[in-house]
Amino acid sequence: MEASSLRRRVVLLVVVAVVAAQAVGVCAETEEPEPALVYESAGEPAESTPAAEGPPAVELQLGGYLPAFSTNLRVDARVQGETVGTGIDFEEALGLDEDARIWRLDGRWRVGRKSRIGFAYYRFDRSAEAIVEEDIEWGNTIFPAGIGVIAGFDNRIIVLNYAQTFAETEQWDVAGSIGVHYMHFAASLEGTGGSQLEGSASAPAPLPMIGVDALYRASPQWRFGAKAEGLAISIGDYSGRWVDLGLTAEYFPAPHWAIGLGLNNLSIDLSADSENLLGELEYEQVGLRWFVTGWF
């Protein structure tokens, strides 16, 4: 990923944090403090406020996602007992867009007093045409330098996890989580000008994750969230490490909905030795989210 793309997102995150902090400070100075949600012994909320009305049965976040990518994929072949292949930077060498704009859906389903199920779904479809500057060994196909190619990289991501609260106050809810980050990608190269050269690789990658999920109710109108999930492990045909980080800031103008901004960083270093894929994927996306939250 180019440094400029990452810097833009870091600057945006800082702006979000500063604006949110100033807004919370103004609220604290101009309003009488309202008690955050507390639970009585029977498990029912003692008082309702917009940002802390109580854990809803279902909470949905729908909005836009603007990520920047770094994608390096190597598809190997076995030749006379040796593994050969060329690592390809899809953005730098093949011209795939470094940025995308898509819709993203996130949510939580509270299944108990201190337990919830989280989920997310989004996908990217990117393609570009470029001239290969050096030979590319893609599986059993060689794309010689100077040939034109059409490159594609499609990526579908589904997140599903279970979280259990282990620390809770009137303002804080901190939970441990376990789940699966399912990533299915399909990459392709196709020669232009009637060359008949083509190659593709696709694979599902169910990545198990453990992590921490925290919510902080700064005031009746402001809520902040943070999560960190990841793992380094070898499972079957796949091995590697993966980390998913996220920050959110939400403002509640009314009891049952909010507007929010967030930042996500997904980093994957995955090696595969299967019938579908033999090689390695290094992938990173850093993206800014804007969304509307509704709960029921």
Protein backbone atom coordinates (compact mmCIF):
# COMPACT_ATOMS: atom_id res chain seq x y z
CA MET A 1 0.00 0.00 0.00
CA GLU A 2 1.34 3.43 -0.89
CA ALA A 3 2.24 5.57 2.09
CA SER A 4 0.02 8.40 0.81
CA SER A 5 -3.11 6.23 0.97
CA LEU A 6 -2.36 5.13 4.50
CA ARG A 7 -1.53 8.67 5.61
CA ARG A 8 -4.84 9.95 4.31
CA ARG A 9 -6.72 7.46 6.44
CA VAL A 10 -4.64 8.13 9.55
CA VAL A 11 -5.31 11.87 9.16
CA LEU A 12 -9.03 11.20 8.79
CA LEU A 13 -9.01 9.08 11.94
CA VAL A 14 -7.26 11.83 13.88
CA VAL A 15 -9.82 14.36 12.65
CA VAL A 16 -12.66 12.06 13.72
CA ALA A 17 -11.13 11.61 17.17
CA VAL A 18 -10.54 15.33 17.68
CA VAL A 19 -14.04 16.31 16.57
CA ALA A 20 -15.61 13.64 18.75
CA ALA A 21 -13.55 14.67 21.78
CA GLN A 22 -14.52 18.31 21.35
CA ALA A 23 -18.19 17.42 20.96
CA VAL A 24 -18.14 15.30 24.10
CA GLY A 25 -16.47 18.15 25.96
CA VAL A 26 -19.15 20.58 24.84
CA CYS A 27 -21.88 18.18 25.96
CA ALA A 28 -20.23 17.82 29.34
CA GLU A 29 -20.04 21.59 29.82
CA THR A 30 -23.54 22.49 28.62
CA GLU A 31 -25.68 19.63 29.92
CA GLU A 32 -26.38 18.18 33.27
CA PRO A 33 -24.78 14.77 33.48
CA GLU A 34 -27.20 11.92 32.94
CA PRO A 35 -26.61 8.52 34.40
CA ALA A 36 -25.58 5.87 31.92
CA LEU A 37 -27.44 2.62 31.73
CA VAL A 38 -27.24 0.44 34.79
CA TYR A 39 -28.83 -2.94 35.25
CA GLU A 40 -30.84 -3.86 38.26
CA SER A 41 -30.52 -7.27 39.79
CA ALA A 42 -33.43 -8.57 37.73
CA GLY A 43 -31.54 -7.72 34.55
CA GLU A 44 -33.81 -4.86 33.36
CA PRO A 45 -32.45 -1.37 32.55
CA ALA A 46 -32.91 1.17 35.29
CA GLU A 47 -32.88 4.21 32.98
CA SER A 48 -32.87 4.76 29.25
CA THR A 49 -30.66 7.23 27.38
CA PRO A 50 -29.94 7.55 23.65
CA ALA A 51 -26.39 6.20 23.72
CA ALA A 52 -26.95 3.73 26.54
CA GLU A 53 -30.52 2.60 26.24
CA GLY A 54 -29.51 -0.94 26.92
CA PRO A 55 -28.30 -3.82 24.86
CA PRO A 56 -30.72 -4.17 21.94
CA ALA A 57 -31.86 -7.51 20.60
CA VAL A 58 -30.52 -6.63 17.13
CA GLU A 59 -28.17 -3.80 16.17
CA LEU A 60 -27.36 -3.07 12.50
CA GLN A 61 -24.77 -0.77 10.92
CA LEU A 62 -25.15 -0.04 7.21
CA GLY A 63 -22.98 2.39 5.32
CA GLY A 64 -20.10 3.07 2.99
CA TYR A 65 -16.57 1.74 3.17
CA LEU A 66 -13.55 3.38 1.51
CA PRO A 67 -10.51 1.08 1.80
CA ALA A 68 -7.02 1.27 0.33
CA PHE A 69 -5.41 -2.03 -0.70
CA SER A 70 -2.09 -3.78 -0.90
CA THR A 71 -2.29 -7.16 -2.66
CA ASN A 72 0.69 -9.40 -3.39
CA LEU A 73 -0.13 -12.89 -4.67
CA ARG A 74 2.14 -15.69 -5.80
CA VAL A 75 0.67 -18.74 -7.56
CA ASP A 76 3.22 -21.54 -7.69
CA ALA A 77 3.69 -24.67 -9.75
CA ARG A 78 5.77 -27.76 -9.04
CA VAL A 79 8.41 -28.32 -11.69
CA GLN A 80 10.70 -31.32 -11.29
CA GLY A 81 10.01 -31.38 -7.57
CA GLU A 82 10.68 -27.67 -7.10
CA THR A 83 8.17 -24.92 -6.39
CA VAL A 84 8.37 -21.97 -8.78
CA GLY A 85 6.27 -18.84 -9.11
CA THR A 86 6.38 -15.03 -9.32
CA GLY A 87 5.03 -12.76 -6.65
CA ILE A 88 2.79 -10.10 -8.21
CA ASP A 89 1.90 -6.73 -6.71
CA PHE A 90 -1.57 -6.33 -8.22
CA GLU A 91 -1.76 -2.59 -7.54
CA GLU A 92 1.79 -1.59 -8.51
CA ALA A 93 2.54 -4.02 -11.35
CA LEU A 94 -0.92 -4.60 -12.82
CA GLY A 95 -2.67 -1.31 -12.13
CA LEU A 96 -5.55 -2.48 -9.93
CA ASP A 97 -7.23 0.40 -8.12
CA GLU A 98 -5.68 1.05 -4.73
CA ASP A 99 -8.97 2.49 -3.48
CA ALA A 100 -12.57 1.30 -3.68
CA ARG A 101 -16.00 2.50 -2.57
CA ILE A 102 -18.48 -0.13 -1.49
CA TRP A 103 -21.37 -0.81 0.89
CA ARG A 104 -20.74 -2.68 4.11
CA LEU A 105 -23.09 -4.30 6.62
CA ASP A 106 -22.17 -4.94 10.27
CA GLY A 107 -24.34 -6.04 13.17
CA ARG A 108 -24.79 -7.59 16.60
CA TRP A 109 -27.45 -9.95 17.86
CA ARG A 110 -27.70 -10.11 21.64
CA VAL A 111 -28.54 -13.66 22.64
CA GLY A 112 -28.10 -13.26 26.40
CA ARG A 113 -27.50 -10.79 29.20
CA LYS A 114 -23.74 -10.73 28.52
CA SER A 115 -23.41 -12.59 25.24
CA ARG A 116 -23.82 -11.53 21.63
CA ILE A 117 -23.18 -12.69 18.09
CA GLY A 118 -21.48 -10.29 15.69
CA PHE A 119 -21.41 -10.37 11.91
CA ALA A 120 -20.22 -8.37 8.90
CA TYR A 121 -20.37 -8.70 5.13
CA TYR A 122 -18.72 -6.84 2.25
CA ARG A 123 -17.09 -7.61 -1.12
CA PHE A 124 -14.78 -6.07 -3.71
CA ASP A 125 -14.52 -6.66 -7.46
CA ARG A 126 -11.51 -5.02 -9.09
CA SER A 127 -9.99 -5.32 -12.57
CA ALA A 128 -7.43 -3.52 -14.72
CA GLU A 129 -5.46 -3.84 -17.95
CA ALA A 130 -1.67 -3.45 -18.04
CA ILE A 131 1.51 -4.29 -19.94
CA VAL A 132 3.71 -6.84 -18.16
CA GLU A 133 7.19 -5.40 -17.60
CA GLU A 134 8.88 -8.70 -16.70
CA ASP A 135 8.10 -12.39 -17.07
CA ILE A 136 5.41 -13.66 -14.72
CA GLU A 137 5.25 -17.35 -13.81
CA TRP A 138 1.63 -17.93 -12.81
CA GLY A 139 1.13 -21.57 -11.95
CA ASN A 140 1.82 -23.51 -15.14
CA THR A 141 1.52 -20.41 -17.37
CA ILE A 142 4.25 -17.91 -18.22
CA PHE A 143 3.25 -14.37 -19.23
CA PRO A 144 6.28 -12.91 -21.07
CA ALA A 145 7.43 -9.33 -20.61
CA GLY A 146 5.72 -6.92 -22.98
CA ILE A 147 2.42 -8.77 -23.25
CA GLY A 148 -0.84 -7.08 -22.34
CA VAL A 149 -2.91 -8.68 -19.58
CA ILE A 150 -6.29 -8.15 -17.97
CA ALA A 151 -6.00 -8.69 -14.22
CA GLY A 152 -8.84 -9.27 -11.81
CA PHE A 153 -9.11 -9.71 -8.05
CA ASP A 154 -12.46 -10.39 -6.42
CA ASN A 155 -12.78 -10.68 -2.68
CA ARG A 156 -15.79 -11.59 -0.52
CA ILE A 157 -15.54 -11.32 3.28
CA ILE A 158 -17.96 -12.66 5.89
CA VAL A 159 -17.27 -12.23 9.60
CA LEU A 160 -19.08 -14.22 12.30
CA ASN A 161 -18.11 -14.22 15.98
CA TYR A 162 -19.39 -14.83 19.47
CA ALA A 163 -18.57 -12.37 22.28
CA GLN A 164 -18.96 -12.79 26.03
CA THR A 165 -18.73 -9.79 28.38
CA PHE A 166 -16.15 -10.27 31.13
CA ALA A 167 -15.94 -6.67 32.46
CA GLU A 168 -18.82 -4.22 32.73
CA THR A 169 -19.47 -0.84 34.35
CA GLU A 170 -21.98 1.94 33.75
CA GLN A 171 -19.80 3.16 30.88
CA TRP A 172 -17.69 0.20 29.81
CA ASP A 173 -18.51 -3.16 28.22
CA VAL A 174 -15.45 -5.31 27.49
CA ALA A 175 -15.90 -8.74 25.94
CA GLY A 176 -13.74 -11.59 24.71
CA SER A 177 -14.60 -12.98 21.29
CA ILE A 178 -14.06 -16.07 19.17
CA GLY A 179 -15.13 -16.51 15.59
CA VAL A 180 -14.35 -17.01 11.92
CA HIS A 181 -13.25 -14.48 9.33
CA TYR A 182 -14.26 -16.15 6.07
CA MET A 183 -12.45 -14.75 3.05
CA HIS A 184 -13.04 -16.06 -0.47
CA PHE A 185 -10.85 -14.57 -3.18
CA ALA A 186 -10.54 -15.15 -6.92
CA ALA A 187 -7.60 -13.81 -8.92
CA SER A 188 -7.12 -14.02 -12.68
CA LEU A 189 -4.73 -13.05 -15.46
CA GLU A 190 -5.73 -13.11 -19.13
CA GLY A 191 -3.49 -12.22 -22.04
CA THR A 192 -4.77 -9.72 -24.62
CA GLY A 193 -4.26 -9.56 -28.38
CA GLY A 194 -5.26 -13.17 -28.99
CA SER A 195 -2.41 -14.61 -26.91
CA GLN A 196 -4.64 -17.34 -25.42
CA LEU A 197 -2.65 -17.12 -22.18
CA GLU A 198 -4.72 -17.22 -19.04
CA GLY A 199 -4.51 -18.29 -15.44
CA SER A 200 -6.70 -18.13 -12.37
CA ALA A 201 -6.61 -19.00 -8.71
CA SER A 202 -9.37 -19.01 -6.13
CA ALA A 203 -9.75 -20.38 -2.66
CA PRO A 204 -11.94 -20.09 0.42
CA ALA A 205 -9.96 -19.13 3.50
CA PRO A 206 -11.85 -19.66 6.77
CA LEU A 207 -9.65 -17.82 9.24
CA PRO A 208 -10.41 -18.52 12.92
CA MET A 209 -9.96 -15.54 15.24
CA ILE A 210 -9.90 -14.67 18.91
CA GLY A 211 -9.98 -11.14 20.23
CA VAL A 212 -11.33 -8.36 22.43
CA ASP A 213 -14.34 -6.11 21.76
CA ALA A 214 -14.90 -2.96 23.86
CA LEU A 215 -17.68 -0.33 23.98
CA TYR A 216 -17.38 2.97 25.89
CA ARG A 217 -20.39 5.24 26.54
CA ALA A 218 -18.79 8.65 26.97
CA SER A 219 -22.11 10.48 27.35
CA PRO A 220 -25.79 9.89 26.61
CA GLN A 221 -25.18 10.91 22.97
CA TRP A 222 -21.71 9.47 22.30
CA ARG A 223 -20.45 5.90 22.09
CA PHE A 224 -17.00 4.65 21.08
CA GLY A 225 -15.96 1.14 20.12
CA ALA A 226 -12.73 -0.76 19.56
CA LYS A 227 -11.94 -4.31 18.55
CA ALA A 228 -8.84 -6.40 17.95
CA GLU A 229 -9.04 -9.91 16.50
CA GLY A 230 -6.41 -12.20 15.06
CA LEU A 231 -4.52 -15.47 15.13
CA ALA A 232 -1.41 -17.15 13.82
CA ILE A 233 -1.96 -20.83 13.10
CA SER A 234 -1.71 -23.70 10.63
CA ILE A 235 -4.93 -25.48 9.66
CA GLY A 236 -5.03 -28.14 6.99
CA ASP A 237 -3.77 -26.69 3.71
CA TYR A 238 -3.42 -23.15 5.06
CA SER A 239 -1.03 -21.42 7.44
CA GLY A 240 -0.20 -17.86 8.33
CA ARG A 241 -1.32 -14.95 10.46
CA TRP A 242 -4.19 -12.48 10.24
CA VAL A 243 -5.21 -9.41 12.24
CA ASP A 244 -8.43 -7.36 12.09
CA LEU A 245 -8.54 -4.02 13.97
CA GLY A 246 -11.41 -1.53 14.19
CA LEU A 247 -12.40 1.78 15.79
CA THR A 248 -15.82 3.47 15.74
CA ALA A 249 -17.35 6.72 17.01
CA GLU A 250 -21.15 7.12 17.08
CA TYR A 251 -23.45 10.05 17.81
CA PHE A 252 -27.06 9.33 18.89
CA PRO A 253 -29.49 12.13 18.03
CA ALA A 254 -32.42 9.84 18.95
CA PRO A 255 -32.86 6.74 21.13
CA HIS A 256 -32.89 4.10 18.38
CA TRP A 257 -30.44 5.27 15.74
CA ALA A 258 -27.04 6.89 15.35
CA ILE A 259 -24.59 8.16 12.77
CA GLY A 260 -21.01 7.03 12.96
CA LEU A 261 -17.48 6.95 11.56
CA GLY A 262 -14.90 4.22 11.88
CA LEU A 263 -11.55 2.91 10.73
CA ASN A 264 -10.71 -0.72 9.93
CA ASN A 265 -7.41 -2.45 9.21
CA LEU A 266 -7.32 -6.04 7.94
CA SER A 267 -3.92 -7.68 7.40
CA ILE A 268 -3.47 -11.24 6.09
CA ASP A 269 -0.31 -13.24 5.38
CA LEU A 270 -1.50 -16.62 4.12
CA SER A 271 0.31 -19.62 2.63
CA ALA A 272 -1.61 -22.39 0.87
CA ASP A 273 -0.71 -25.86 -0.34
CA SER A 274 -3.93 -27.27 -1.77
CA GLU A 275 -5.43 -28.43 -5.03
CA ASN A 276 -7.01 -25.02 -5.57
CA LEU A 277 -4.02 -22.89 -4.64
CA LEU A 278 -0.31 -23.39 -4.18
CA GLY A 279 1.40 -20.18 -3.19
CA GLU A 280 1.18 -17.20 -0.86
CA LEU A 281 -1.07 -14.19 -0.37
CA GLU A 282 -0.02 -10.96 1.38
CA TYR A 283 -3.04 -8.69 1.68
CA GLU A 284 -3.85 -5.52 3.58
CA GLN A 285 -6.76 -3.10 3.53
CA VAL A 286 -7.09 0.10 5.56
CA GLY A 287 -10.44 1.79 5.22
CA LEU A 288 -12.66 4.55 6.54
CA ARG A 289 -16.31 3.70 7.29
CA TRP A 290 -19.36 5.94 7.56
CA PHE A 291 -22.62 4.37 8.62
CA VAL A 292 -26.01 4.60 10.23
CA THR A 293 -26.76 2.44 13.29
CA GLY A 294 -30.24 1.23 14.10
CA TRP A 295 -31.34 -1.08 16.86
CA PHE A 296 -34.49 -3.04 17.57
